[in-house]
N, C-alpha and C. Protein backbone atom coordinates (compact mmCIF):
# COMPACT_ATOMS: atom_id res chain seq x y z
N MET A 1 -7.99 -2.61 -1.55
CA MET A 1 -7.67 -3.30 -0.33
C MET A 1 -6.46 -4.18 -0.62
N SER A 2 -5.51 -4.15 0.28
CA SER A 2 -4.29 -4.91 0.03
C SER A 2 -4.47 -6.39 0.28
N HIS A 3 -3.63 -7.16 -0.34
CA HIS A 3 -3.61 -8.61 -0.20
C HIS A 3 -3.32 -8.95 1.27
N GLY A 4 -4.15 -9.81 1.85
CA GLY A 4 -3.94 -10.20 3.24
C GLY A 4 -4.65 -9.31 4.26
N TYR A 5 -5.33 -8.28 3.81
CA TYR A 5 -6.07 -7.37 4.69
C TYR A 5 -7.48 -7.93 4.79
N HIS A 6 -7.75 -8.74 5.81
CA HIS A 6 -8.98 -9.53 5.81
C HIS A 6 -9.76 -9.51 7.12
N ASP A 7 -9.23 -8.92 8.16
CA ASP A 7 -9.92 -8.92 9.45
C ASP A 7 -11.03 -7.87 9.45
N ASP A 8 -12.29 -8.32 9.52
CA ASP A 8 -13.40 -7.38 9.38
C ASP A 8 -13.45 -6.34 10.50
N VAL A 9 -13.02 -6.69 11.70
CA VAL A 9 -12.99 -5.70 12.80
C VAL A 9 -11.99 -4.60 12.48
N THR A 10 -10.81 -4.98 11.99
CA THR A 10 -9.78 -4.00 11.64
C THR A 10 -10.22 -3.14 10.46
N ILE A 11 -10.81 -3.76 9.45
CA ILE A 11 -11.28 -3.01 8.28
C ILE A 11 -12.32 -1.98 8.70
N ARG A 12 -13.29 -2.42 9.49
CA ARG A 12 -14.36 -1.53 9.96
C ARG A 12 -13.76 -0.36 10.76
N TRP A 13 -12.85 -0.68 11.69
CA TRP A 13 -12.22 0.36 12.51
C TRP A 13 -11.45 1.34 11.63
N ASP A 14 -10.69 0.83 10.66
CA ASP A 14 -9.92 1.70 9.78
C ASP A 14 -10.82 2.63 8.97
N LEU A 15 -11.95 2.13 8.49
CA LEU A 15 -12.86 2.97 7.72
C LEU A 15 -13.48 4.07 8.59
N VAL A 16 -13.93 3.71 9.78
CA VAL A 16 -14.52 4.71 10.69
C VAL A 16 -13.45 5.71 11.11
N ALA A 17 -12.25 5.23 11.44
CA ALA A 17 -11.15 6.13 11.81
C ALA A 17 -10.77 7.04 10.65
N GLY A 18 -11.00 6.58 9.43
CA GLY A 18 -10.71 7.38 8.24
C GLY A 18 -11.82 8.34 7.86
N GLY A 19 -12.89 8.39 8.67
CA GLY A 19 -13.94 9.37 8.44
C GLY A 19 -15.21 8.84 7.80
N PHE A 20 -15.28 7.55 7.50
CA PHE A 20 -16.51 6.99 6.94
C PHE A 20 -17.52 6.76 8.05
N ASN A 21 -18.79 6.83 7.68
CA ASN A 21 -19.88 6.68 8.65
C ASN A 21 -20.23 5.22 8.88
N GLU A 22 -20.70 4.93 10.08
CA GLU A 22 -21.33 3.64 10.37
C GLU A 22 -22.73 3.70 9.78
N PRO A 23 -23.33 2.63 9.38
CA PRO A 23 -22.77 1.29 9.43
C PRO A 23 -21.86 1.03 8.23
N VAL A 24 -20.87 0.21 8.45
CA VAL A 24 -19.98 -0.28 7.41
C VAL A 24 -20.41 -1.72 7.14
N SER A 25 -20.68 -2.04 5.89
CA SER A 25 -21.09 -3.39 5.53
C SER A 25 -19.90 -4.13 4.93
N ILE A 26 -19.63 -5.32 5.47
CA ILE A 26 -18.54 -6.16 4.96
C ILE A 26 -19.13 -7.54 4.68
N GLU A 27 -19.23 -7.87 3.41
CA GLU A 27 -19.82 -9.13 3.00
C GLU A 27 -18.78 -10.01 2.32
N PRO A 28 -18.52 -11.20 2.87
CA PRO A 28 -17.57 -12.10 2.20
C PRO A 28 -18.16 -12.67 0.92
N VAL A 29 -17.30 -12.88 -0.05
CA VAL A 29 -17.69 -13.50 -1.32
C VAL A 29 -16.72 -14.65 -1.55
N GLU A 30 -17.25 -15.85 -1.69
CA GLU A 30 -16.41 -17.02 -1.89
C GLU A 30 -16.68 -17.62 -3.26
N HIS A 31 -15.61 -18.01 -3.91
CA HIS A 31 -15.68 -18.63 -5.24
C HIS A 31 -14.62 -19.71 -5.34
N ARG A 32 -14.55 -20.31 -6.50
CA ARG A 32 -13.51 -21.27 -6.82
C ARG A 32 -12.53 -20.59 -7.78
N SER A 33 -11.28 -20.87 -7.61
CA SER A 33 -10.25 -20.38 -8.52
C SER A 33 -9.75 -21.60 -9.28
N ARG A 34 -9.94 -21.58 -10.57
CA ARG A 34 -9.52 -22.71 -11.41
C ARG A 34 -8.51 -22.21 -12.44
N VAL A 35 -7.41 -22.93 -12.55
CA VAL A 35 -6.37 -22.56 -13.51
C VAL A 35 -5.95 -23.79 -14.30
N SER A 36 -5.47 -23.54 -15.49
CA SER A 36 -5.12 -24.64 -16.38
C SER A 36 -3.74 -25.24 -16.11
N THR A 37 -2.83 -24.46 -15.52
CA THR A 37 -1.49 -24.97 -15.24
C THR A 37 -1.04 -24.55 -13.84
N ALA A 38 -0.09 -25.30 -13.28
CA ALA A 38 0.46 -24.99 -11.97
C ALA A 38 1.26 -23.69 -11.99
N GLU A 39 1.72 -23.29 -13.15
CA GLU A 39 2.52 -22.06 -13.25
C GLU A 39 1.69 -20.80 -12.98
N LEU A 40 0.42 -20.81 -13.33
CA LEU A 40 -0.41 -19.60 -13.20
C LEU A 40 -0.57 -19.11 -11.76
N PRO A 41 -0.90 -19.96 -10.79
CA PRO A 41 -0.98 -19.43 -9.42
C PRO A 41 0.38 -19.00 -8.88
N ALA A 42 1.45 -19.66 -9.30
CA ALA A 42 2.79 -19.24 -8.87
C ALA A 42 3.10 -17.84 -9.39
N ILE A 43 2.80 -17.60 -10.65
CA ILE A 43 3.01 -16.27 -11.24
C ILE A 43 2.14 -15.24 -10.51
N ALA A 44 0.87 -15.58 -10.29
CA ALA A 44 -0.04 -14.64 -9.63
C ALA A 44 0.46 -14.28 -8.24
N TYR A 45 0.92 -15.26 -7.48
CA TYR A 45 1.33 -15.00 -6.11
C TYR A 45 2.66 -14.26 -6.04
N TYR A 46 3.64 -14.71 -6.79
CA TYR A 46 4.97 -14.10 -6.69
C TYR A 46 5.11 -12.80 -7.47
N LEU A 47 4.31 -12.62 -8.50
CA LEU A 47 4.43 -11.41 -9.30
C LEU A 47 3.26 -10.45 -9.12
N GLY A 48 2.16 -10.91 -8.52
CA GLY A 48 0.97 -10.09 -8.43
C GLY A 48 0.50 -9.73 -7.04
N THR A 49 1.35 -9.94 -6.04
CA THR A 49 1.00 -9.59 -4.66
C THR A 49 2.14 -8.77 -4.05
N PRO A 50 1.95 -8.24 -2.86
CA PRO A 50 3.04 -7.49 -2.21
C PRO A 50 4.31 -8.31 -1.98
N LEU A 51 4.21 -9.63 -2.06
CA LEU A 51 5.41 -10.46 -1.92
C LEU A 51 6.45 -10.09 -2.98
N ARG A 52 5.99 -9.69 -4.15
CA ARG A 52 6.92 -9.28 -5.21
C ARG A 52 7.82 -8.14 -4.73
N ASN A 53 7.22 -7.14 -4.08
CA ASN A 53 8.00 -6.01 -3.58
C ASN A 53 9.04 -6.46 -2.56
N GLU A 54 8.65 -7.38 -1.70
CA GLU A 54 9.59 -7.90 -0.70
C GLU A 54 10.77 -8.59 -1.37
N LEU A 55 10.48 -9.40 -2.36
CA LEU A 55 11.56 -10.10 -3.06
C LEU A 55 12.45 -9.12 -3.82
N GLU A 56 11.85 -8.16 -4.50
CA GLU A 56 12.63 -7.20 -5.28
C GLU A 56 13.54 -6.36 -4.39
N GLN A 57 13.07 -6.02 -3.19
CA GLN A 57 13.91 -5.25 -2.27
C GLN A 57 15.13 -6.03 -1.84
N ARG A 58 14.97 -7.33 -1.69
CA ARG A 58 16.10 -8.15 -1.26
C ARG A 58 17.03 -8.48 -2.43
N ASP A 59 16.43 -8.93 -3.53
CA ASP A 59 17.23 -9.28 -4.71
C ASP A 59 16.27 -9.54 -5.87
N PRO A 60 16.21 -8.64 -6.85
CA PRO A 60 15.27 -8.80 -7.96
C PRO A 60 15.42 -10.10 -8.74
N THR A 61 16.59 -10.71 -8.69
CA THR A 61 16.77 -11.97 -9.42
C THR A 61 16.04 -13.13 -8.76
N TRP A 62 15.58 -12.96 -7.52
CA TRP A 62 14.86 -14.01 -6.83
C TRP A 62 13.46 -14.25 -7.40
N LEU A 63 12.90 -13.27 -8.08
CA LEU A 63 11.54 -13.41 -8.60
C LEU A 63 11.40 -14.63 -9.50
N ASP A 64 12.27 -14.75 -10.46
CA ASP A 64 12.18 -15.86 -11.40
C ASP A 64 12.39 -17.20 -10.70
N GLU A 65 13.39 -17.26 -9.84
CA GLU A 65 13.68 -18.51 -9.13
C GLU A 65 12.54 -18.88 -8.18
N ALA A 66 11.99 -17.93 -7.47
CA ALA A 66 10.88 -18.20 -6.55
C ALA A 66 9.66 -18.70 -7.31
N THR A 67 9.37 -18.09 -8.44
CA THR A 67 8.23 -18.51 -9.26
C THR A 67 8.43 -19.93 -9.78
N LYS A 68 9.64 -20.24 -10.23
CA LYS A 68 9.93 -21.59 -10.72
C LYS A 68 9.80 -22.63 -9.60
N ARG A 69 10.31 -22.30 -8.43
CA ARG A 69 10.23 -23.25 -7.30
C ARG A 69 8.78 -23.46 -6.86
N ALA A 70 8.01 -22.38 -6.82
CA ALA A 70 6.59 -22.51 -6.45
C ALA A 70 5.84 -23.36 -7.47
N THR A 71 6.14 -23.15 -8.75
CA THR A 71 5.51 -23.95 -9.80
C THR A 71 5.82 -25.42 -9.60
N THR A 72 7.07 -25.72 -9.31
CA THR A 72 7.48 -27.12 -9.08
C THR A 72 6.72 -27.72 -7.90
N ARG A 73 6.64 -27.00 -6.79
CA ARG A 73 5.94 -27.51 -5.60
C ARG A 73 4.44 -27.69 -5.87
N LEU A 74 3.85 -26.74 -6.58
CA LEU A 74 2.42 -26.87 -6.91
C LEU A 74 2.18 -28.09 -7.79
N ARG A 75 3.04 -28.32 -8.76
CA ARG A 75 2.92 -29.50 -9.61
C ARG A 75 3.03 -30.78 -8.79
N GLU A 76 4.01 -30.81 -7.88
CA GLU A 76 4.21 -32.00 -7.05
C GLU A 76 3.00 -32.28 -6.15
N ARG A 77 2.43 -31.23 -5.62
CA ARG A 77 1.34 -31.42 -4.65
C ARG A 77 -0.03 -31.59 -5.30
N PHE A 78 -0.29 -30.81 -6.38
CA PHE A 78 -1.64 -30.78 -6.95
C PHE A 78 -1.73 -31.26 -8.39
N GLY A 79 -0.61 -31.56 -9.00
CA GLY A 79 -0.60 -31.99 -10.40
C GLY A 79 -0.28 -30.82 -11.32
N PRO A 80 0.07 -31.12 -12.57
CA PRO A 80 0.54 -30.08 -13.49
C PRO A 80 -0.58 -29.24 -14.13
N THR A 81 -1.80 -29.78 -14.14
CA THR A 81 -2.88 -29.06 -14.83
C THR A 81 -4.17 -29.11 -14.01
N ASP A 82 -5.07 -28.23 -14.38
CA ASP A 82 -6.43 -28.20 -13.84
C ASP A 82 -6.48 -28.10 -12.31
N LEU A 83 -5.82 -27.10 -11.77
CA LEU A 83 -5.84 -26.86 -10.32
C LEU A 83 -7.13 -26.14 -9.95
N ASP A 84 -7.66 -26.45 -8.79
CA ASP A 84 -8.95 -25.91 -8.34
C ASP A 84 -8.86 -25.66 -6.84
N SER A 85 -9.14 -24.42 -6.41
CA SER A 85 -9.08 -24.12 -4.98
C SER A 85 -10.08 -23.03 -4.62
N LYS A 86 -10.25 -22.84 -3.32
CA LYS A 86 -11.13 -21.79 -2.82
C LYS A 86 -10.45 -20.43 -2.95
N ILE A 87 -11.27 -19.40 -3.14
CA ILE A 87 -10.78 -18.02 -3.13
C ILE A 87 -11.84 -17.18 -2.43
N ARG A 88 -11.39 -16.16 -1.70
CA ARG A 88 -12.34 -15.35 -0.92
C ARG A 88 -11.99 -13.89 -1.01
N GLY A 89 -12.99 -13.07 -1.09
CA GLY A 89 -12.82 -11.62 -1.09
C GLY A 89 -13.96 -10.99 -0.31
N PHE A 90 -13.99 -9.67 -0.31
CA PHE A 90 -15.03 -8.95 0.43
C PHE A 90 -15.61 -7.85 -0.42
N VAL A 91 -16.90 -7.63 -0.28
CA VAL A 91 -17.56 -6.44 -0.82
C VAL A 91 -17.79 -5.53 0.39
N ILE A 92 -17.17 -4.37 0.37
CA ILE A 92 -17.23 -3.46 1.50
C ILE A 92 -17.97 -2.19 1.08
N THR A 93 -18.97 -1.82 1.86
CA THR A 93 -19.74 -0.62 1.58
C THR A 93 -19.64 0.33 2.77
N ALA A 94 -19.22 1.55 2.49
CA ALA A 94 -19.10 2.56 3.53
C ALA A 94 -19.56 3.90 2.94
N THR A 95 -20.11 4.76 3.78
CA THR A 95 -20.63 6.04 3.32
C THR A 95 -19.76 7.17 3.84
N ALA A 96 -19.38 8.06 2.93
CA ALA A 96 -18.60 9.23 3.32
C ALA A 96 -19.54 10.26 3.95
N PRO A 97 -19.03 11.08 4.87
CA PRO A 97 -19.89 12.08 5.52
C PRO A 97 -20.37 13.14 4.54
């Protein structure tokens, strides 16, 4: 499932349209995301999501600068170490015909 694909109605419709049988089960899972430095979530977001592809298409040299700027902003807002935030995902169960 791609990053940002989170609307359960759309997910359910896409699965049924793709040939999976009802019922489709979509269960949210919530946890805490804890990291030791402000740099880690910046790296994860800019290098580990589809945003990376967007930046690379425009100018691959932006990756490093974007990651550095995000790290700076995260440090300013949340401190340099021991960041803690919510994270959410889904467990999706569907049956093929």
